[in-house]
Amino acid sequence: MTKTPLVLRVNGRDITVTPGTTVAAALALSGLTATRTSVNGEPRSAVCGMGICQECRVHVDGRVRLGCQTLCAPGMVVESMP
């Protein structure tokens, strides 16, 4: 059975991924290496892959979510955090 790709919007750009992809993986595949910045302006991104480090926080459809724990959905809007 072939999985139909889905499209989500990341920082204003459409990204196509396969179902079952996490938001953190989609961001990495799209070339986005940092999901937020520290208070000092340093880039931060997912470290643990299981939600403990909280470094993969992003806005998903207007709500703060952990990218490594959130599966991509069609039409989802993801914005990296400042």
N, C-alpha and C. Protein backbone atom coordinates (compact mmCIF):
# COMPACT_ATOMS: atom_id res chain seq x y z
N MET A 1 0.84 -1.18 0.00
CA MET A 1 0.00 0.00 0.00
C MET A 1 0.88 1.24 0.00
N THR A 2 0.63 2.15 -0.92
CA THR A 2 1.40 3.38 -1.03
C THR A 2 0.78 4.46 -0.17
N LYS A 3 1.61 5.16 0.58
CA LYS A 3 1.12 6.25 1.41
C LYS A 3 1.09 7.53 0.57
N THR A 4 -0.03 8.22 0.58
CA THR A 4 -0.17 9.45 -0.17
C THR A 4 0.54 10.57 0.59
N PRO A 5 1.45 11.29 -0.07
CA PRO A 5 2.16 12.39 0.59
C PRO A 5 1.17 13.45 1.07
N LEU A 6 1.56 14.15 2.12
CA LEU A 6 0.74 15.25 2.61
C LEU A 6 1.55 16.53 2.60
N VAL A 7 0.85 17.64 2.54
CA VAL A 7 1.50 18.96 2.46
C VAL A 7 1.16 19.75 3.72
N LEU A 8 2.19 20.33 4.32
CA LEU A 8 2.00 21.25 5.43
C LEU A 8 2.78 22.52 5.13
N ARG A 9 2.46 23.59 5.82
CA ARG A 9 3.13 24.87 5.59
C ARG A 9 4.07 25.13 6.75
N VAL A 10 5.35 25.36 6.43
CA VAL A 10 6.38 25.61 7.44
C VAL A 10 6.99 26.98 7.17
N ASN A 11 6.81 27.89 8.11
CA ASN A 11 7.34 29.26 7.98
C ASN A 11 7.00 29.85 6.62
N GLY A 12 5.74 29.65 6.18
CA GLY A 12 5.27 30.23 4.93
C GLY A 12 5.61 29.46 3.67
N ARG A 13 6.23 28.28 3.82
CA ARG A 13 6.63 27.48 2.66
C ARG A 13 5.98 26.10 2.73
N ASP A 14 5.46 25.62 1.62
CA ASP A 14 4.85 24.29 1.60
C ASP A 14 5.93 23.21 1.61
N ILE A 15 5.71 22.19 2.44
CA ILE A 15 6.61 21.05 2.58
C ILE A 15 5.77 19.79 2.36
N THR A 16 6.28 18.86 1.59
CA THR A 16 5.59 17.60 1.34
C THR A 16 6.33 16.48 2.07
N VAL A 17 5.58 15.71 2.87
CA VAL A 17 6.15 14.59 3.63
C VAL A 17 5.23 13.39 3.53
N THR A 18 5.72 12.26 3.97
CA THR A 18 4.87 11.07 4.01
C THR A 18 4.14 11.01 5.35
N PRO A 19 2.94 10.42 5.38
CA PRO A 19 2.22 10.27 6.64
C PRO A 19 3.09 9.52 7.66
N GLY A 20 2.97 9.91 8.91
CA GLY A 20 3.76 9.30 9.97
C GLY A 20 5.02 10.08 10.30
N THR A 21 5.31 11.14 9.52
CA THR A 21 6.48 11.97 9.76
C THR A 21 6.20 12.94 10.90
N THR A 22 7.14 13.08 11.82
CA THR A 22 6.97 14.07 12.89
C THR A 22 7.29 15.46 12.35
N VAL A 23 6.80 16.45 13.03
CA VAL A 23 7.08 17.84 12.64
C VAL A 23 8.58 18.10 12.70
N ALA A 24 9.27 17.60 13.73
CA ALA A 24 10.72 17.80 13.84
C ALA A 24 11.44 17.21 12.65
N ALA A 25 11.04 16.01 12.23
CA ALA A 25 11.67 15.37 11.06
C ALA A 25 11.37 16.16 9.79
N ALA A 26 10.14 16.65 9.65
CA ALA A 26 9.78 17.44 8.48
C ALA A 26 10.61 18.72 8.41
N LEU A 27 10.83 19.34 9.56
CA LEU A 27 11.64 20.56 9.60
C LEU A 27 13.07 20.25 9.17
N ALA A 28 13.62 19.17 9.68
CA ALA A 28 14.99 18.78 9.32
C ALA A 28 15.08 18.45 7.83
N LEU A 29 14.10 17.72 7.31
CA LEU A 29 14.09 17.36 5.90
C LEU A 29 13.98 18.59 5.00
N SER A 30 13.31 19.63 5.51
CA SER A 30 13.14 20.86 4.72
C SER A 30 14.36 21.77 4.79
N GLY A 31 15.35 21.38 5.60
CA GLY A 31 16.57 22.18 5.71
C GLY A 31 16.59 23.15 6.88
N LEU A 32 15.52 23.18 7.67
CA LEU A 32 15.47 24.07 8.83
C LEU A 32 16.22 23.41 9.98
N THR A 33 17.36 23.96 10.36
CA THR A 33 18.19 23.32 11.38
C THR A 33 17.93 23.85 12.79
N ALA A 34 17.19 24.93 12.93
CA ALA A 34 16.88 25.47 14.25
C ALA A 34 15.39 25.77 14.32
N THR A 35 14.76 25.38 15.41
CA THR A 35 13.32 25.61 15.57
C THR A 35 13.03 26.84 16.42
N ARG A 36 14.02 27.30 17.14
CA ARG A 36 13.83 28.50 17.98
C ARG A 36 15.18 29.08 18.31
N THR A 37 15.20 30.20 19.02
CA THR A 37 16.45 30.79 19.47
C THR A 37 16.44 30.91 20.98
N SER A 38 17.63 30.85 21.57
CA SER A 38 17.73 31.00 23.02
C SER A 38 17.56 32.47 23.38
N VAL A 39 17.55 32.76 24.67
CA VAL A 39 17.43 34.15 25.10
C VAL A 39 18.62 34.98 24.63
N ASN A 40 19.72 34.33 24.33
CA ASN A 40 20.90 35.02 23.82
C ASN A 40 20.94 35.08 22.29
N GLY A 41 19.89 34.55 21.64
CA GLY A 41 19.82 34.59 20.19
C GLY A 41 20.50 33.42 19.49
N GLU A 42 20.94 32.42 20.26
CA GLU A 42 21.59 31.26 19.66
C GLU A 42 20.54 30.30 19.10
N PRO A 43 20.81 29.69 17.94
CA PRO A 43 19.85 28.74 17.37
C PRO A 43 19.75 27.48 18.21
N ARG A 44 18.52 26.99 18.37
CA ARG A 44 18.27 25.77 19.14
C ARG A 44 17.43 24.83 18.28
N SER A 45 17.60 23.53 18.47
CA SER A 45 16.78 22.56 17.73
C SER A 45 16.64 21.29 18.56
N ALA A 46 15.90 20.33 18.01
CA ALA A 46 15.64 19.08 18.73
C ALA A 46 16.94 18.38 19.10
N VAL A 47 17.01 17.88 20.32
CA VAL A 47 18.19 17.19 20.81
C VAL A 47 17.84 15.75 21.18
N CYS A 48 16.76 15.55 21.93
CA CYS A 48 16.49 14.23 22.50
C CYS A 48 15.60 13.35 21.64
N GLY A 49 14.69 13.91 20.88
CA GLY A 49 13.78 13.14 20.06
C GLY A 49 12.63 12.49 20.80
N MET A 50 12.49 12.80 22.10
CA MET A 50 11.39 12.20 22.86
C MET A 50 10.68 13.21 23.77
N GLY A 51 10.91 14.49 23.57
CA GLY A 51 10.15 15.51 24.27
C GLY A 51 10.71 16.00 25.58
N ILE A 52 11.80 15.45 26.04
CA ILE A 52 12.35 15.85 27.34
C ILE A 52 13.08 17.19 27.26
N CYS A 53 13.84 17.41 26.20
CA CYS A 53 14.67 18.62 26.13
C CYS A 53 13.86 19.87 25.82
N GLN A 54 12.68 19.74 25.22
CA GLN A 54 11.81 20.87 24.89
C GLN A 54 12.41 21.82 23.85
N GLU A 55 13.51 21.44 23.21
CA GLU A 55 14.17 22.31 22.24
C GLU A 55 13.46 22.36 20.89
N CYS A 56 12.54 21.45 20.64
CA CYS A 56 11.86 21.41 19.35
C CYS A 56 10.51 22.12 19.38
N ARG A 57 10.30 23.00 20.35
CA ARG A 57 9.02 23.71 20.46
C ARG A 57 8.78 24.57 19.22
N VAL A 58 7.59 24.44 18.68
CA VAL A 58 7.16 25.21 17.52
C VAL A 58 5.69 25.57 17.70
N HIS A 59 5.21 26.52 16.92
CA HIS A 59 3.78 26.80 16.89
C HIS A 59 3.18 25.92 15.79
N VAL A 60 2.20 25.12 16.15
CA VAL A 60 1.47 24.28 15.19
C VAL A 60 0.02 24.72 15.23
N ASP A 61 -0.44 25.27 14.12
CA ASP A 61 -1.81 25.79 14.04
C ASP A 61 -2.11 26.74 15.20
N GLY A 62 -1.12 27.57 15.55
CA GLY A 62 -1.29 28.59 16.57
C GLY A 62 -1.06 28.15 18.00
N ARG A 63 -0.75 26.88 18.22
CA ARG A 63 -0.51 26.38 19.58
C ARG A 63 0.93 25.89 19.71
N VAL A 64 1.52 26.06 20.89
CA VAL A 64 2.88 25.58 21.12
C VAL A 64 2.85 24.07 21.27
N ARG A 65 3.67 23.39 20.47
CA ARG A 65 3.74 21.93 20.48
C ARG A 65 5.20 21.50 20.41
N LEU A 66 5.47 20.28 20.77
CA LEU A 66 6.80 19.70 20.62
C LEU A 66 6.85 19.03 19.25
N GLY A 67 7.77 19.47 18.42
CA GLY A 67 7.88 18.94 17.07
C GLY A 67 8.20 17.46 17.02
N CYS A 68 8.96 16.97 17.98
CA CYS A 68 9.33 15.55 17.97
C CYS A 68 8.20 14.64 18.40
N GLN A 69 7.15 15.21 18.98
CA GLN A 69 6.02 14.42 19.47
C GLN A 69 4.75 14.65 18.66
N THR A 70 4.83 15.48 17.62
CA THR A 70 3.66 15.85 16.84
C THR A 70 3.77 15.30 15.42
N LEU A 71 2.79 14.51 15.01
CA LEU A 71 2.79 13.98 13.65
C LEU A 71 2.23 15.03 12.70
N CYS A 72 2.80 15.09 11.51
CA CYS A 72 2.34 16.02 10.49
C CYS A 72 0.94 15.63 10.03
N ALA A 73 0.15 16.65 9.70
CA ALA A 73 -1.21 16.44 9.19
C ALA A 73 -1.40 17.34 7.97
N PRO A 74 -2.27 16.95 7.05
CA PRO A 74 -2.50 17.77 5.87
C PRO A 74 -2.98 19.17 6.25
N GLY A 75 -2.38 20.19 5.63
CA GLY A 75 -2.79 21.56 5.87
C GLY A 75 -2.27 22.18 7.15
N MET A 76 -1.50 21.44 7.92
CA MET A 76 -0.95 21.94 9.18
C MET A 76 -0.07 23.17 8.91
N VAL A 77 -0.14 24.15 9.79
CA VAL A 77 0.69 25.34 9.68
C VAL A 77 1.68 25.36 10.84
N VAL A 78 2.97 25.34 10.53
CA VAL A 78 4.03 25.29 11.52
C VAL A 78 4.87 26.55 11.42
N GLU A 79 5.12 27.18 12.55
CA GLU A 79 5.97 28.37 12.61
C GLU A 79 7.03 28.13 13.67
N SER A 80 8.30 28.37 13.32
CA SER A 80 9.35 28.26 14.32
C SER A 80 9.20 29.39 15.32
N MET A 81 9.70 29.18 16.51
CA MET A 81 9.52 30.17 17.59
C MET A 81 10.71 31.13 17.62
N PRO A 82 10.43 32.37 17.94
CA PRO A 82 11.53 33.36 18.05
C PRO A 82 12.37 33.11 19.26
